[in-house]
Structures are given as structure tokens and as C-alpha cells.
PDB file of all heavy atoms in Angstrom:
ATOM      1  N   GLY A   1       3.854 -33.692   5.060  1.00  0.00           N
ATOM      2  CA  GLY A   1       3.345 -33.917   3.707  1.00  0.00           C
ATOM      3  C   GLY A   1       2.201 -33.032   3.277  1.00  0.00           C
ATOM      4  O   GLY A   1       1.783 -33.089   2.124  1.00  0.00           O
ATOM      5  N   GLY A   2       1.683 -32.197   4.188  1.00  0.00           N
ATOM      6  CA  GLY A   2       0.513 -31.404   3.830  1.00  0.00           C
ATOM      7  C   GLY A   2       0.769 -29.929   3.610  1.00  0.00           C
ATOM      8  O   GLY A   2      -0.143 -29.192   3.244  1.00  0.00           O
ATOM      9  N   LEU A   3       2.001 -29.472   3.833  1.00  0.00           N
ATOM     10  CA  LEU A   3       2.272 -28.048   3.647  1.00  0.00           C
ATOM     11  C   LEU A   3       2.246 -27.689   2.163  1.00  0.00           C
ATOM     12  O   LEU A   3       2.854 -28.368   1.340  1.00  0.00           O
ATOM     13  CB  LEU A   3       3.623 -27.684   4.253  1.00  0.00           C
ATOM     14  CG  LEU A   3       3.692 -27.670   5.782  1.00  0.00           C
ATOM     15  CD1 LEU A   3       5.099 -27.330   6.245  1.00  0.00           C
ATOM     16  CD2 LEU A   3       2.682 -26.678   6.361  1.00  0.00           C
ATOM     17  N   ARG A   4       1.543 -26.618   1.836  1.00  0.00           N
ATOM     18  CA  ARG A   4       1.376 -26.190   0.446  1.00  0.00           C
ATOM     19  C   ARG A   4       1.414 -24.674   0.387  1.00  0.00           C
ATOM     20  O   ARG A   4       1.205 -23.989   1.402  1.00  0.00           O
ATOM     21  CB  ARG A   4       0.050 -26.693  -0.111  1.00  0.00           C
ATOM     22  CG  ARG A   4      -1.154 -26.324   0.745  1.00  0.00           C
ATOM     23  CD  ARG A   4      -2.464 -26.499   0.021  1.00  0.00           C
ATOM     24  NE  ARG A   4      -2.687 -25.418  -0.958  1.00  0.00           N
ATOM     25  CZ  ARG A   4      -3.783 -25.319  -1.715  1.00  0.00           C
ATOM     26  NH1 ARG A   4      -4.736 -26.237  -1.612  1.00  0.00           N
ATOM     27  NH2 ARG A   4      -3.925 -24.323  -2.564  1.00  0.00           N
ATOM     28  N   PRO A   5       1.662 -24.110  -0.763  1.00  0.00           N
ATOM     29  CA  PRO A   5       1.583 -22.649  -0.885  1.00  0.00           C
ATOM     30  C   PRO A   5       0.162 -22.171  -0.556  1.00  0.00           C
ATOM     31  O   PRO A   5      -0.827 -22.832  -0.901  1.00  0.00           O
ATOM     32  CB  PRO A   5       1.918 -22.405  -2.357  1.00  0.00           C
ATOM     33  CG  PRO A   5       2.607 -23.642  -2.820  1.00  0.00           C
ATOM     34  CD  PRO A   5       2.032 -24.759  -2.034  1.00  0.00           C
ATOM     35  N   HIS A   6       0.070 -21.021   0.081  1.00  0.00           N
ATOM     36  CA  HIS A   6      -1.240 -20.455   0.426  1.00  0.00           C
ATOM     37  C   HIS A   6      -1.765 -19.667  -0.772  1.00  0.00           C
ATOM     38  O   HIS A   6      -1.930 -18.447  -0.735  1.00  0.00           O
ATOM     39  CB  HIS A   6      -1.108 -19.563   1.660  1.00  0.00           C
ATOM     40  CG  HIS A   6      -2.410 -19.018   2.161  1.00  0.00           C
ATOM     41  ND1 HIS A   6      -3.499 -19.807   2.449  1.00  0.00           N
ATOM     42  CD2 HIS A   6      -2.805 -17.732   2.408  1.00  0.00           C
ATOM     43  CE1 HIS A   6      -4.496 -19.045   2.870  1.00  0.00           C
ATOM     44  NE2 HIS A   6      -4.104 -17.790   2.840  1.00  0.00           N
ATOM     45  N   VAL A   7      -1.988 -20.399  -1.852  1.00  0.00           N
ATOM     46  CA  VAL A   7      -2.496 -19.791  -3.080  1.00  0.00           C
ATOM     47  C   VAL A   7      -3.723 -20.579  -3.545  1.00  0.00           C
ATOM     48  O   VAL A   7      -3.904 -21.743  -3.178  1.00  0.00           O
ATOM     49  CB  VAL A   7      -1.432 -19.757  -4.199  1.00  0.00           C
ATOM     50  CG1 VAL A   7      -0.224 -18.945  -3.770  1.00  0.00           C
ATOM     51  CG2 VAL A   7      -1.015 -21.160  -4.605  1.00  0.00           C
ATOM     52  N   VAL A   8      -4.543 -19.921  -4.335  1.00  0.00           N
ATOM     53  CA  VAL A   8      -5.748 -20.563  -4.858  1.00  0.00           C
ATOM     54  C   VAL A   8      -5.412 -21.237  -6.181  1.00  0.00           C
ATOM     55  O   VAL A   8      -5.008 -20.576  -7.136  1.00  0.00           O
ATOM     56  CB  VAL A   8      -6.874 -19.525  -5.054  1.00  0.00           C
ATOM     57  CG1 VAL A   8      -8.089 -20.167  -5.725  1.00  0.00           C
ATOM     58  CG2 VAL A   8      -7.267 -18.909  -3.710  1.00  0.00           C
ATOM     59  N   TRP A   9      -5.574 -22.536  -6.210  1.00  0.00           N
ATOM     60  CA  TRP A   9      -5.334 -23.285  -7.440  1.00  0.00           C
ATOM     61  C   TRP A   9      -6.610 -23.348  -8.274  1.00  0.00           C
ATOM     62  O   TRP A   9      -7.717 -23.091  -7.778  1.00  0.00           O
ATOM     63  CB  TRP A   9      -4.868 -24.704  -7.102  1.00  0.00           C
ATOM     64  CG  TRP A   9      -3.480 -24.750  -6.544  1.00  0.00           C
ATOM     65  CD1 TRP A   9      -2.459 -23.904  -6.833  1.00  0.00           C
ATOM     66  CD2 TRP A   9      -2.961 -25.705  -5.607  1.00  0.00           C
ATOM     67  NE1 TRP A   9      -1.324 -24.266  -6.136  1.00  0.00           N
ATOM     68  CE2 TRP A   9      -1.602 -25.362  -5.383  1.00  0.00           C
ATOM     69  CE3 TRP A   9      -3.499 -26.813  -4.952  1.00  0.00           C
ATOM     70  CZ2 TRP A   9      -0.779 -26.100  -4.525  1.00  0.00           C
ATOM     71  CZ3 TRP A   9      -2.686 -27.552  -4.091  1.00  0.00           C
ATOM     72  CH2 TRP A   9      -1.344 -27.199  -3.877  1.00  0.00           C
ATOM     73  N   PHE A  10      -6.459 -23.691  -9.524  1.00  0.00           N
ATOM     74  CA  PHE A  10      -7.613 -23.845 -10.402  1.00  0.00           C
ATOM     75  C   PHE A  10      -8.531 -24.930  -9.840  1.00  0.00           C
ATOM     76  O   PHE A  10      -8.073 -25.999  -9.460  1.00  0.00           O
ATOM     77  CB  PHE A  10      -7.162 -24.191 -11.823  1.00  0.00           C
ATOM     78  CG  PHE A  10      -6.534 -23.027 -12.532  1.00  0.00           C
ATOM     79  CD1 PHE A  10      -5.189 -22.739 -12.362  1.00  0.00           C
ATOM     80  CD2 PHE A  10      -7.298 -22.193 -13.348  1.00  0.00           C
ATOM     81  CE1 PHE A  10      -4.601 -21.655 -13.002  1.00  0.00           C
ATOM     82  CE2 PHE A  10      -6.723 -21.106 -13.981  1.00  0.00           C
ATOM     83  CZ  PHE A  10      -5.379 -20.834 -13.811  1.00  0.00           C
ATOM     84  N   GLY A  11      -9.810 -24.611  -9.770  1.00  0.00           N
ATOM     85  CA  GLY A  11     -10.772 -25.520  -9.184  1.00  0.00           C
ATOM     86  C   GLY A  11     -11.070 -25.234  -7.729  1.00  0.00           C
ATOM     87  O   GLY A  11     -11.960 -25.856  -7.138  1.00  0.00           O
ATOM     88  N   GLU A  12     -10.336 -24.275  -7.125  1.00  0.00           N
ATOM     89  CA  GLU A  12     -10.568 -23.894  -5.729  1.00  0.00           C
ATOM     90  C   GLU A  12     -11.264 -22.539  -5.658  1.00  0.00           C
ATOM     91  O   GLU A  12     -11.191 -21.739  -6.595  1.00  0.00           O
ATOM     92  CB  GLU A  12      -9.244 -23.850  -4.962  1.00  0.00           C
ATOM     93  CG  GLU A  12      -8.566 -25.202  -4.863  1.00  0.00           C
ATOM     94  CD  GLU A  12      -7.280 -25.169  -4.060  1.00  0.00           C
ATOM     95  OE1 GLU A  12      -6.553 -24.151  -4.133  1.00  0.00           O
ATOM     96  OE2 GLU A  12      -6.994 -26.149  -3.361  1.00  0.00           O
ATOM     97  N   MET A  13     -11.909 -22.279  -4.538  1.00  0.00           N
ATOM     98  CA  MET A  13     -12.669 -21.049  -4.351  1.00  0.00           C
ATOM     99  C   MET A  13     -11.755 -19.911  -3.905  1.00  0.00           C
ATOM    100  O   MET A  13     -10.976 -20.068  -2.969  1.00  0.00           O
ATOM    101  CB  MET A  13     -13.759 -21.269  -3.291  1.00  0.00           C
ATOM    102  CG  MET A  13     -14.649 -20.055  -3.074  1.00  0.00           C
ATOM    103  SD  MET A  13     -15.637 -19.624  -4.535  1.00  0.00           S
ATOM    104  CE  MET A  13     -16.764 -21.029  -4.586  1.00  0.00           C
ATOM    105  N   PRO A  14     -11.813 -18.746  -4.571  1.00  0.00           N
ATOM    106  CA  PRO A  14     -11.039 -17.590  -4.110  1.00  0.00           C
ATOM    107  C   PRO A  14     -11.403 -17.192  -2.685  1.00  0.00           C
ATOM    108  O   PRO A  14     -12.482 -17.517  -2.183  1.00  0.00           O
ATOM    109  CB  PRO A  14     -11.424 -16.503  -5.117  1.00  0.00           C
ATOM    110  CG  PRO A  14     -11.831 -17.252  -6.342  1.00  0.00           C
ATOM    111  CD  PRO A  14     -12.510 -18.488  -5.838  1.00  0.00           C
ATOM    112  N   PHE A  15     -10.506 -16.456  -2.058  1.00  0.00           N
ATOM    113  CA  PHE A  15     -10.687 -16.019  -0.682  1.00  0.00           C
ATOM    114  C   PHE A  15     -11.473 -14.704  -0.599  1.00  0.00           C
ATOM    115  O   PHE A  15     -11.462 -13.896  -1.535  1.00  0.00           O
ATOM    116  CB  PHE A  15      -9.326 -15.811  -0.001  1.00  0.00           C
ATOM    117  CG  PHE A  15      -8.464 -17.035   0.051  1.00  0.00           C
ATOM    118  CD1 PHE A  15      -7.127 -16.977  -0.310  1.00  0.00           C
ATOM    119  CD2 PHE A  15      -8.974 -18.250   0.474  1.00  0.00           C
ATOM    120  CE1 PHE A  15      -6.317 -18.100  -0.250  1.00  0.00           C
ATOM    121  CE2 PHE A  15      -8.185 -19.388   0.539  1.00  0.00           C
ATOM    122  CZ  PHE A  15      -6.843 -19.310   0.171  1.00  0.00           C
ATOM    123  N   ASP A  16     -12.122 -14.488   0.536  1.00  0.00           N
ATOM    124  CA  ASP A  16     -12.689 -13.186   0.931  1.00  0.00           C
ATOM    125  C   ASP A  16     -13.766 -12.651  -0.011  1.00  0.00           C
ATOM    126  O   ASP A  16     -13.992 -11.438  -0.064  1.00  0.00           O
ATOM    127  CB  ASP A  16     -11.575 -12.124   1.046  1.00  0.00           C
ATOM    128  CG  ASP A  16     -10.636 -12.393   2.203  1.00  0.00           C
ATOM    129  OD1 ASP A  16     -11.054 -13.076   3.150  1.00  0.00           O
ATOM    130  OD2 ASP A  16      -9.489 -11.905   2.156  1.00  0.00           O
ATOM    131  N   LEU A  17     -14.459 -13.516  -0.739  1.00  0.00           N
ATOM    132  CA  LEU A  17     -15.430 -13.013  -1.707  1.00  0.00           C
ATOM    133  C   LEU A  17     -16.595 -12.295  -1.055  1.00  0.00           C
ATOM    134  O   LEU A  17     -17.108 -11.308  -1.608  1.00  0.00           O
ATOM    135  CB  LEU A  17     -15.940 -14.165  -2.586  1.00  0.00           C
ATOM    136  CG  LEU A  17     -14.931 -14.726  -3.595  1.00  0.00           C
ATOM    137  CD1 LEU A  17     -15.580 -15.807  -4.437  1.00  0.00           C
ATOM    138  CD2 LEU A  17     -14.352 -13.624  -4.483  1.00  0.00           C
ATOM    139  N   ASP A  18     -17.024 -12.722   0.127  1.00  0.00           N
ATOM    140  CA  ASP A  18     -18.125 -12.028   0.796  1.00  0.00           C
ATOM    141  C   ASP A  18     -17.746 -10.583   1.083  1.00  0.00           C
ATOM    142  O   ASP A  18     -18.550  -9.659   0.858  1.00  0.00           O
ATOM    143  CB  ASP A  18     -18.498 -12.739   2.107  1.00  0.00           C
ATOM    144  CG  ASP A  18     -19.234 -14.054   1.876  1.00  0.00           C
ATOM    145  OD1 ASP A  18     -19.681 -14.289   0.731  1.00  0.00           O
ATOM    146  OD2 ASP A  18     -19.354 -14.837   2.839  1.00  0.00           O
ATOM    147  N   ALA A  19     -16.530 -10.371   1.565  1.00  0.00           N
ATOM    148  CA  ALA A  19     -16.070  -9.011   1.851  1.00  0.00           C
ATOM    149  C   ALA A  19     -15.937  -8.191   0.573  1.00  0.00           C
ATOM    150  O   ALA A  19     -16.251  -6.993   0.551  1.00  0.00           O
ATOM    151  CB  ALA A  19     -14.739  -9.051   2.599  1.00  0.00           C
ATOM    152  N   VAL A  20     -15.476  -8.835  -0.495  1.00  0.00           N
ATOM    153  CA  VAL A  20     -15.326  -8.130  -1.770  1.00  0.00           C
ATOM    154  C   VAL A  20     -16.684  -7.692  -2.311  1.00  0.00           C
ATOM    155  O   VAL A  20     -16.857  -6.525  -2.714  1.00  0.00           O
ATOM    156  CB  VAL A  20     -14.597  -9.012  -2.796  1.00  0.00           C
ATOM    157  CG1 VAL A  20     -14.626  -8.365  -4.187  1.00  0.00           C
ATOM    158  CG2 VAL A  20     -13.158  -9.261  -2.356  1.00  0.00           C
ATOM    159  N   TYR A  21     -17.653  -8.595  -2.315  1.00  0.00           N
ATOM    160  CA  TYR A  21     -18.970  -8.233  -2.840  1.00  0.00           C
ATOM    161  C   TYR A  21     -19.647  -7.178  -1.961  1.00  0.00           C
ATOM    162  O   TYR A  21     -20.371  -6.315  -2.472  1.00  0.00           O
ATOM    163  CB  TYR A  21     -19.846  -9.473  -2.984  1.00  0.00           C
ATOM    164  CG  TYR A  21     -19.491 -10.307  -4.193  1.00  0.00           C
ATOM    165  CD1 TYR A  21     -18.984 -11.591  -4.059  1.00  0.00           C
ATOM    166  CD2 TYR A  21     -19.644  -9.793  -5.489  1.00  0.00           C
ATOM    167  CE1 TYR A  21     -18.640 -12.351  -5.161  1.00  0.00           C
ATOM    168  CE2 TYR A  21     -19.299 -10.539  -6.596  1.00  0.00           C
ATOM    169  CZ  TYR A  21     -18.790 -11.814  -6.436  1.00  0.00           C
ATOM    170  OH  TYR A  21     -18.443 -12.550  -7.542  1.00  0.00           O
ATOM    171  N   ALA A  22     -19.388  -7.204  -0.667  1.00  0.00           N
ATOM    172  CA  ALA A  22     -19.919  -6.152   0.206  1.00  0.00           C
ATOM    173  C   ALA A  22     -19.310  -4.806  -0.167  1.00  0.00           C
ATOM    174  O   ALA A  22     -20.018  -3.786  -0.214  1.00  0.00           O
ATOM    175  CB  ALA A  22     -19.625  -6.488   1.667  1.00  0.00           C
ATOM    176  N   ALA A  23     -18.014  -4.778  -0.453  1.00  0.00           N
ATOM    177  CA  ALA A  23     -17.367  -3.534  -0.870  1.00  0.00           C
ATOM    178  C   ALA A  23     -17.902  -3.055  -2.219  1.00  0.00           C
ATOM    179  O   ALA A  23     -18.127  -1.861  -2.424  1.00  0.00           O
ATOM    180  CB  ALA A  23     -15.849  -3.732  -0.932  1.00  0.00           C
ATOM    181  N   LEU A  24     -18.121  -3.989  -3.150  1.00  0.00           N
ATOM    182  CA  LEU A  24     -18.663  -3.621  -4.462  1.00  0.00           C
ATOM    183  C   LEU A  24     -20.069  -3.041  -4.336  1.00  0.00           C
ATOM    184  O   LEU A  24     -20.468  -2.175  -5.136  1.00  0.00           O
ATOM    185  CB  LEU A  24     -18.689  -4.842  -5.383  1.00  0.00           C
ATOM    186  CG  LEU A  24     -17.329  -5.373  -5.847  1.00  0.00           C
ATOM    187  CD1 LEU A  24     -17.495  -6.720  -6.535  1.00  0.00           C
ATOM    188  CD2 LEU A  24     -16.644  -4.371  -6.780  1.00  0.00           C
ATOM    189  N   SER A  25     -20.810  -3.471  -3.341  1.00  0.00           N
ATOM    190  CA  SER A  25     -22.191  -2.997  -3.181  1.00  0.00           C
ATOM    191  C   SER A  25     -22.260  -1.548  -2.711  1.00  0.00           C
ATOM    192  O   SER A  25     -23.287  -0.888  -2.896  1.00  0.00           O
ATOM    193  CB  SER A  25     -22.943  -3.891  -2.193  1.00  0.00           C
ATOM    194  OG  SER A  25     -22.526  -3.658  -0.857  1.00  0.00           O
ATOM    195  N   ARG A  26     -21.170  -1.045  -2.120  1.00  0.00           N
ATOM    196  CA  ARG A  26     -21.208   0.313  -1.552  1.00  0.00           C
ATOM    197  C   ARG A  26     -20.249   1.293  -2.223  1.00  0.00           C
ATOM    198  O   ARG A  26     -20.199   2.461  -1.847  1.00  0.00           O
ATOM    199  CB  ARG A  26     -20.909   0.255  -0.056  1.00  0.00           C
ATOM    200  CG  ARG A  26     -19.546  -0.267   0.323  1.00  0.00           C
ATOM    201  CD  ARG A  26     -19.336  -0.275   1.846  1.00  0.00           C
ATOM    202  NE  ARG A  26     -18.024  -0.783   2.215  1.00  0.00           N
ATOM    203  CZ  ARG A  26     -17.749  -2.044   2.520  1.00  0.00           C
ATOM    204  NH1 ARG A  26     -18.729  -2.938   2.541  1.00  0.00           N
ATOM    205  NH2 ARG A  26     -16.522  -2.419   2.852  1.00  0.00           N
ATOM    206  N   CYS A  27     -19.489   0.826  -3.237  1.00  0.00           N
ATOM    207  CA  CYS A  27     -18.505   1.736  -3.829  1.00  0.00           C
ATOM    208  C   CYS A  27     -19.139   2.681  -4.836  1.00  0.00           C
ATOM    209  O   CYS A  27     -20.130   2.367  -5.480  1.00  0.00           O
ATOM    210  CB  CYS A  27     -17.364   0.949  -4.479  1.00  0.00           C
ATOM    211  SG  CYS A  27     -17.773   0.105  -6.020  1.00  0.00           S
ATOM    212  N   GLY A  28     -18.547   3.849  -4.958  1.00  0.00           N
ATOM    213  CA  GLY A  28     -18.980   4.813  -5.961  1.00  0.00           C
ATOM    214  C   GLY A  28     -18.186   4.717  -7.242  1.00  0.00           C
ATOM    215  O   GLY A  28     -18.646   5.121  -8.313  1.00  0.00           O
ATOM    216  N   THR A  29     -16.959   4.166  -7.131  1.00  0.00           N
ATOM    217  CA  THR A  29     -16.085   3.988  -8.288  1.00  0.00           C
ATOM    218  C   THR A  29     -15.416   2.622  -8.200  1.00  0.00           C
ATOM    219  O   THR A  29     -14.964   2.209  -7.128  1.00  0.00           O
ATOM    220  CB  THR A  29     -15.000   5.080  -8.343  1.00  0.00           C
ATOM    221  OG1 THR A  29     -15.613   6.361  -8.416  1.00  0.00           O
ATOM    222  CG2 THR A  29     -14.088   4.883  -9.549  1.00  0.00           C
ATOM    223  N   PHE A  30     -15.369   1.930  -9.346  1.00  0.00           N
ATOM    224  CA  PHE A  30     -14.662   0.659  -9.459  1.00  0.00           C
ATOM    225  C   PHE A  30     -13.578   0.828 -10.509  1.00  0.00           C
ATOM    226  O   PHE A  30     -13.851   1.236 -11.640  1.00  0.00           O
ATOM    227  CB  PHE A  30     -15.609  -0.469  -9.856  1.00  0.00           C
ATOM    228  CG  PHE A  30     -14.907  -1.768 -10.173  1.00  0.00           C
ATOM    229  CD1 PHE A  30     -14.495  -2.601  -9.154  1.00  0.00           C
ATOM    230  CD2 PHE A  30     -14.653  -2.138 -11.487  1.00  0.00           C
ATOM    231  CE1 PHE A  30     -13.832  -3.799  -9.435  1.00  0.00           C
ATOM    232  CE2 PHE A  30     -14.002  -3.326 -11.784  1.00  0.00           C
ATOM    233  CZ  PHE A  30     -13.582  -4.157 -10.750  1.00  0.00           C
ATOM    234  N   ILE A  31     -12.336   0.506 -10.145  1.00  0.00           N
ATOM    235  CA  ILE A  31     -11.196   0.674 -11.047  1.00  0.00           C
ATOM    236  C   ILE A  31     -10.523  -0.678 -11.252  1.00  0.00           C
ATOM    237  O   ILE A  31     -10.142  -1.336 -10.282  1.00  0.00           O
ATOM    238  CB  ILE A  31     -10.175   1.682 -10.489  1.00  0.00           C
ATOM    239  CG1 ILE A  31     -10.851   3.006 -10.139  1.00  0.00           C
ATOM    240  CG2 ILE A  31      -9.050   1.905 -11.489  1.00  0.00           C
ATOM    241  CD1 ILE A  31      -9.946   3.965  -9.382  1.00  0.00           C
ATOM    242  N   SER A  32     -10.374  -1.095 -12.499  1.00  0.00           N
ATOM    243  CA  SER A  32      -9.699  -2.342 -12.834  1.00  0.00           C
ATOM    244  C   SER A  32      -8.354  -2.017 -13.470  1.00  0.00           C
ATOM    245  O   SER A  32      -8.281  -1.241 -14.427  1.00  0.00           O
ATOM    246  CB  SER A  32     -10.556  -3.157 -13.811  1.00  0.00           C
ATOM    247  OG  SER A  32      -9.886  -4.344 -14.199  1.00  0.00           O
ATOM    248  N   ILE A  33      -7.281  -2.613 -12.936  1.00  0.00           N
ATOM    249  CA  ILE A  33      -5.927  -2.272 -13.373  1.00  0.00           C
ATOM    250  C   ILE A  33      -5.140  -3.531 -13.711  1.00  0.00           C
ATOM    251  O   ILE A  33      -5.002  -4.438 -12.887  1.00  0.00           O
ATOM    252  CB  ILE A  33      -5.173  -1.502 -12.265  1.00  0.00           C
ATOM    253  CG1 ILE A  33      -5.925  -0.227 -11.872  1.00  0.00           C
ATOM    254  CG2 ILE A  33      -3.755  -1.161 -12.723  1.00  0.00           C
ATOM    255  CD1 ILE A  33      -5.349   0.469 -10.648  1.00  0.00           C
TER     256      ILE A  33
END
């Protein structure tokens, strides 16, 4: 009864944000697509 899709639902915290913000702190270019 507990198996669910491994996706972030509304109201849940996104994954890997610490790693993302660390990458944003050192990048020279940010591209949004």
C-alpha cells in the first residue's frame, strides 16, 4: 500500500537542492530552457 511514483508532489520538497545551490554558487553561466 505504500508504493508511489518517485516524483515530487505539490507541497513536497524538491530533491537535491543543496547540490543545485552549490552549483549555482560557482557557475559562470546559467541557462534556462
